[in-house]
């Protein structure tokens, strides 16, 4: 089985990398199940994909709720008969020095970026085991590869996920499960709009993103590349960033 016919669920699918990934995979013949909190956007994207000849379903998902991830997986199985890939893309970022003591922001990043991935694993893994195969593709970040000031907690959550996936990979060498971590650099998404409270710092971050950021479609193609490998081949880690990013 190539991408055509593979059933793929995507979290954080209402915009940015998630929406681009859903569109791209659907164009390659994959039925997609879209999950995010903004149901109106999801419904619009599902309608767009369907109108273009693809197959799509939409489920309102808050990844901090384990039940929502189970509903996403159940929808894939109920509508399309199986789930082949879960793309864990939902994430939040809060940028600022640790001395700001943004405990609420820290907690949000842990809840979404770490626990959200664990909730997805808990929902999808039993289905993958029952089917005899499955693939977890998780969007991490180059922030975890190059640690910089003001992003310590965000980087910590992304590196936690990287570690979790490597541990799961080592526990799953029976050929049933594949895991892929994709680390994007600067990508033109809405993430930065909500990451910084200080208006001056926010505008600077947005300028940097506009100058350096690559299109989300580039990450979508990377996701497709990992999924499209033969079942006995696993792309473990993939970094994709602007050529001019330091």
Protein backbone atom coordinates (compact mmCIF):
# COMPACT_ATOMS: atom_id res chain seq x y z
CA UNK A 1 0.00 0.00 0.00
CA UNK A 2 1.36 3.41 -0.97
CA UNK A 3 -0.26 6.65 0.23
CA UNK A 4 -3.26 5.98 -1.99
CA UNK A 5 -5.87 4.32 0.20
CA UNK A 6 -4.05 4.82 3.48
CA UNK A 7 -6.34 6.30 6.12
CA UNK A 8 -4.65 9.21 7.87
CA UNK A 9 -5.83 11.18 10.91
CA UNK A 10 -4.29 14.61 11.45
CA UNK A 11 -4.44 16.71 14.61
CA UNK A 12 -4.10 20.48 14.45
CA UNK A 13 -5.68 20.24 11.00
CA UNK A 14 -7.55 23.55 10.97
CA UNK A 15 -4.57 25.61 9.71
CA UNK A 16 -0.88 25.68 8.92
CA UNK A 17 1.05 22.42 8.67
CA UNK A 18 -1.95 20.29 9.62
CA UNK A 19 -4.25 21.72 6.95
CA UNK A 20 -1.51 21.57 4.31
CA UNK A 21 -0.77 17.96 5.21
CA UNK A 22 -4.44 16.98 4.99
CA UNK A 23 -4.84 18.64 1.59
CA UNK A 24 -1.67 17.08 0.20
CA UNK A 25 -2.37 13.54 1.42
CA UNK A 26 -5.96 13.74 0.20
CA UNK A 27 -4.68 14.81 -3.23
CA UNK A 28 -2.56 11.65 -3.26
CA UNK A 29 -5.58 9.46 -2.58
CA UNK A 30 -5.54 9.10 1.19
CA UNK A 31 -8.84 9.35 3.09
CA UNK A 32 -8.17 11.92 5.83
CA UNK A 33 -9.77 12.48 9.22
CA UNK A 34 -9.30 16.05 10.40
CA UNK A 35 -9.05 16.94 14.07
CA UNK A 36 -8.75 20.37 15.73
CA UNK A 37 -10.61 22.66 18.09
CA UNK A 38 -11.93 25.06 15.44
CA UNK A 39 -14.78 22.99 14.06
CA UNK A 40 -15.91 25.59 11.52
CA UNK A 41 -12.50 25.57 9.83
CA UNK A 42 -12.40 21.78 9.88
CA UNK A 43 -15.80 21.54 8.24
CA UNK A 44 -14.71 23.98 5.56
CA UNK A 45 -11.52 22.04 4.85
CA UNK A 46 -13.37 18.73 4.74
CA UNK A 47 -15.87 20.24 2.27
CA UNK A 48 -13.01 21.60 0.14
CA UNK A 49 -11.28 18.20 0.01
CA UNK A 50 -14.54 16.41 -0.81
CA UNK A 51 -15.39 18.91 -3.53
CA UNK A 52 -12.00 18.20 -5.09
CA UNK A 53 -12.71 14.50 -5.27
CA UNK A 54 -11.04 13.45 -2.02
CA UNK A 55 -12.44 11.74 1.04
CA UNK A 56 -12.50 13.52 4.39
CA UNK A 57 -14.20 13.55 7.77
CA UNK A 58 -13.93 16.17 10.49
CA UNK A 59 -13.99 15.76 14.28
CA UNK A 60 -13.64 18.51 16.86
CA UNK A 61 -10.58 17.53 18.88
CA UNK A 62 -8.90 19.06 21.90
CA UNK A 63 -5.76 16.95 22.27
CA UNK A 64 -5.66 17.60 26.02
CA UNK A 65 -8.77 15.38 26.27
CA UNK A 66 -7.99 11.66 25.79
CA UNK A 67 -11.61 11.03 24.83
CA UNK A 68 -11.33 13.41 21.88
CA UNK A 69 -8.37 11.45 20.49
CA UNK A 70 -10.31 8.23 20.87
CA UNK A 71 -13.19 9.83 18.96
CA UNK A 72 -10.79 10.83 16.17
CA UNK A 73 -9.45 7.28 15.86
CA UNK A 74 -12.93 5.76 16.12
CA UNK A 75 -14.17 8.03 13.34
CA UNK A 76 -11.38 6.84 11.06
CA UNK A 77 -12.25 3.20 11.71
CA UNK A 78 -16.01 3.73 11.46
CA UNK A 79 -15.90 5.83 8.27
CA UNK A 80 -13.01 4.25 6.40
CA UNK A 81 -12.52 0.82 7.99
CA UNK A 82 -9.09 1.34 9.52
CA UNK A 83 -6.44 3.84 10.60
CA UNK A 84 -3.03 3.58 8.99
CA UNK A 85 -1.33 6.81 10.12
CA UNK A 86 -1.80 9.31 12.94
CA UNK A 87 -0.11 12.64 12.28
CA UNK A 88 0.37 14.34 15.66
CA UNK A 89 0.68 17.97 14.64
CA UNK A 90 -1.26 20.00 17.23
CA UNK A 91 1.05 22.20 19.25
CA UNK A 92 1.35 25.49 21.13
CA UNK A 93 4.31 27.73 21.85
CA UNK A 94 4.93 30.38 24.47
CA UNK A 95 8.16 32.32 23.98
CA UNK A 96 9.75 34.24 26.81
CA UNK A 97 12.53 34.00 29.41
CA UNK A 98 11.95 31.53 32.21
CA UNK A 99 12.37 34.40 34.65
CA UNK A 100 8.92 35.59 33.50
CA UNK A 101 7.51 32.60 35.42
CA UNK A 102 4.79 31.96 32.86
CA UNK A 103 3.51 28.92 34.73
CA UNK A 104 0.21 28.94 32.82
CA UNK A 105 2.05 28.96 29.49
CA UNK A 106 4.40 26.20 30.62
CA UNK A 107 1.45 24.05 31.63
CA UNK A 108 -0.30 24.64 28.32
CA UNK A 109 2.77 23.52 26.38
CA UNK A 110 3.13 20.37 28.47
CA UNK A 111 -0.59 19.58 28.15
CA UNK A 112 -0.76 20.04 24.37
CA UNK A 113 2.75 19.24 23.14
CA UNK A 114 3.50 16.26 25.39
CA UNK A 115 0.27 14.91 26.84
CA UNK A 116 -1.53 15.50 23.55
CA UNK A 117 0.91 13.17 21.80
CA UNK A 118 0.58 10.57 24.55
CA UNK A 119 -3.21 10.71 24.24
CA UNK A 120 -2.87 10.08 20.51
CA UNK A 121 -0.57 7.12 21.11
CA UNK A 122 -3.00 5.67 23.65
CA UNK A 123 -5.89 5.98 21.17
CA UNK A 124 -4.10 4.71 18.05
CA UNK A 125 -1.77 2.00 19.32
CA UNK A 126 -4.47 -0.59 20.12
CA UNK A 127 -5.88 -0.15 16.59
CA UNK A 128 -2.43 -0.48 15.04
CA UNK A 129 -1.78 -3.64 17.05
CA UNK A 130 -5.12 -5.12 16.04
CA UNK A 131 -4.47 -4.36 12.36
CA UNK A 132 -0.89 -5.59 12.44
CA UNK A 133 0.58 -2.26 11.30
CA UNK A 134 0.42 1.48 11.82
CA UNK A 135 2.50 4.64 11.67
CA UNK A 136 2.90 7.55 14.08
CA UNK A 137 4.17 10.71 12.39
CA UNK A 138 4.80 13.48 14.89
CA UNK A 139 5.68 17.09 14.18
CA UNK A 140 8.41 18.18 16.59
CA UNK A 141 10.66 21.23 16.00
CA UNK A 142 14.19 22.37 15.29
CA UNK A 143 13.82 24.30 18.56
CA UNK A 144 14.63 21.02 20.24
CA UNK A 145 17.81 20.61 18.18
CA UNK A 146 19.23 24.10 18.71
CA UNK A 147 18.38 25.44 22.17
CA UNK A 148 18.03 29.22 22.29
CA UNK A 149 17.04 31.70 25.01
CA UNK A 150 13.28 32.29 25.51
CA UNK A 151 12.36 28.86 24.11
CA UNK A 152 13.63 26.55 26.85
CA UNK A 153 10.27 25.10 27.91
CA UNK A 154 8.97 24.79 24.35
CA UNK A 155 12.18 23.01 23.34
CA UNK A 156 11.88 20.81 26.41
CA UNK A 157 8.41 19.65 25.41
CA UNK A 158 9.54 18.87 21.87
CA UNK A 159 12.57 16.94 23.08
CA UNK A 160 10.36 15.03 25.49
CA UNK A 161 8.25 13.89 22.54
CA UNK A 162 11.36 12.95 20.56
CA UNK A 163 12.47 10.79 23.49
CA UNK A 164 9.04 9.19 23.88
CA UNK A 165 8.93 8.22 20.22
CA UNK A 166 12.41 6.73 20.30
CA UNK A 167 11.50 4.67 23.36
CA UNK A 168 8.32 3.50 21.67
CA UNK A 169 10.28 2.64 18.53
CA UNK A 170 12.63 0.43 20.51
CA UNK A 171 9.66 -1.29 22.12
CA UNK A 172 8.08 -1.91 18.70
CA UNK A 173 10.65 -3.70 16.56
CA UNK A 174 8.20 -6.49 15.68
CA UNK A 175 7.33 -4.70 12.45
CA UNK A 176 3.88 -3.51 13.54
CA UNK A 177 4.62 0.14 14.32
CA UNK A 178 6.66 2.78 12.52
CA UNK A 179 7.47 6.12 14.18
CA UNK A 180 8.66 9.31 12.51
CA UNK A 181 9.66 12.60 14.10
CA UNK A 182 9.60 15.57 11.72
CA UNK A 183 11.38 18.71 12.92
CA UNK A 184 10.42 21.85 10.96
CA UNK A 185 12.32 25.09 11.26
CA UNK A 186 10.67 28.42 10.44
CA UNK A 187 7.34 27.72 8.73
CA UNK A 188 4.76 30.38 7.89
CA UNK A 189 1.95 29.44 10.26
CA UNK A 190 -0.20 31.06 12.94
CA UNK A 191 1.97 29.63 15.74
CA UNK A 192 3.97 32.81 16.29
CA UNK A 193 0.81 34.93 16.55
CA UNK A 194 -0.03 33.33 19.89
CA UNK A 195 3.49 32.63 21.16
CA UNK A 196 4.59 36.09 22.37
CA UNK A 197 2.75 38.55 24.61
CA UNK A 198 5.12 41.49 24.21
CA UNK A 199 3.93 43.37 21.07
CA UNK A 200 7.43 44.48 20.03
CA UNK A 201 8.83 40.97 20.35
CA UNK A 202 5.78 39.58 18.56
CA UNK A 203 6.26 41.87 15.59
CA UNK A 204 9.94 40.98 15.42
CA UNK A 205 9.09 37.28 15.46
CA UNK A 206 6.51 37.78 12.72
CA UNK A 207 9.04 39.68 10.57
CA UNK A 208 11.57 36.87 10.99
CA UNK A 209 8.92 34.32 10.04
CA UNK A 210 7.91 36.34 6.97
CA UNK A 211 11.53 36.71 5.86
CA UNK A 212 12.72 33.15 6.48
CA UNK A 213 9.66 30.94 6.80
CA UNK A 214 8.94 28.21 4.27
CA UNK A 215 5.46 27.27 3.12
CA UNK A 216 3.58 24.62 5.14
CA UNK A 217 3.30 22.60 1.92
CA UNK A 218 7.01 21.81 2.25
CA UNK A 219 6.39 20.05 5.56
CA UNK A 220 3.34 18.31 4.09
CA UNK A 221 5.57 16.84 1.39
CA UNK A 222 8.00 15.64 4.06
CA UNK A 223 5.14 13.90 5.88
CA UNK A 224 4.09 12.24 2.63
CA UNK A 225 7.67 11.11 2.00
CA UNK A 226 7.82 9.35 5.37
CA UNK A 227 4.44 7.70 4.90
CA UNK A 228 5.18 6.58 1.34
CA UNK A 229 8.12 4.35 2.27
CA UNK A 230 7.76 0.56 2.00
CA UNK A 231 6.33 -1.00 5.15
CA UNK A 232 9.73 -2.43 6.12
CA UNK A 233 11.38 1.01 5.93
CA UNK A 234 11.11 3.59 8.71
CA UNK A 235 12.13 7.24 8.43
CA UNK A 236 12.95 7.87 12.07
CA UNK A 237 13.93 11.54 12.09
CA UNK A 238 13.55 14.15 9.39
CA UNK A 239 14.57 17.81 9.66
CA UNK A 240 13.16 20.36 7.24
CA UNK A 241 13.99 24.07 7.46
CA UNK A 242 14.66 27.13 5.33
CA UNK A 243 18.00 26.97 3.55
CA UNK A 244 18.89 30.37 5.12
CA UNK A 245 18.00 29.41 8.69
CA UNK A 246 20.98 29.48 11.02
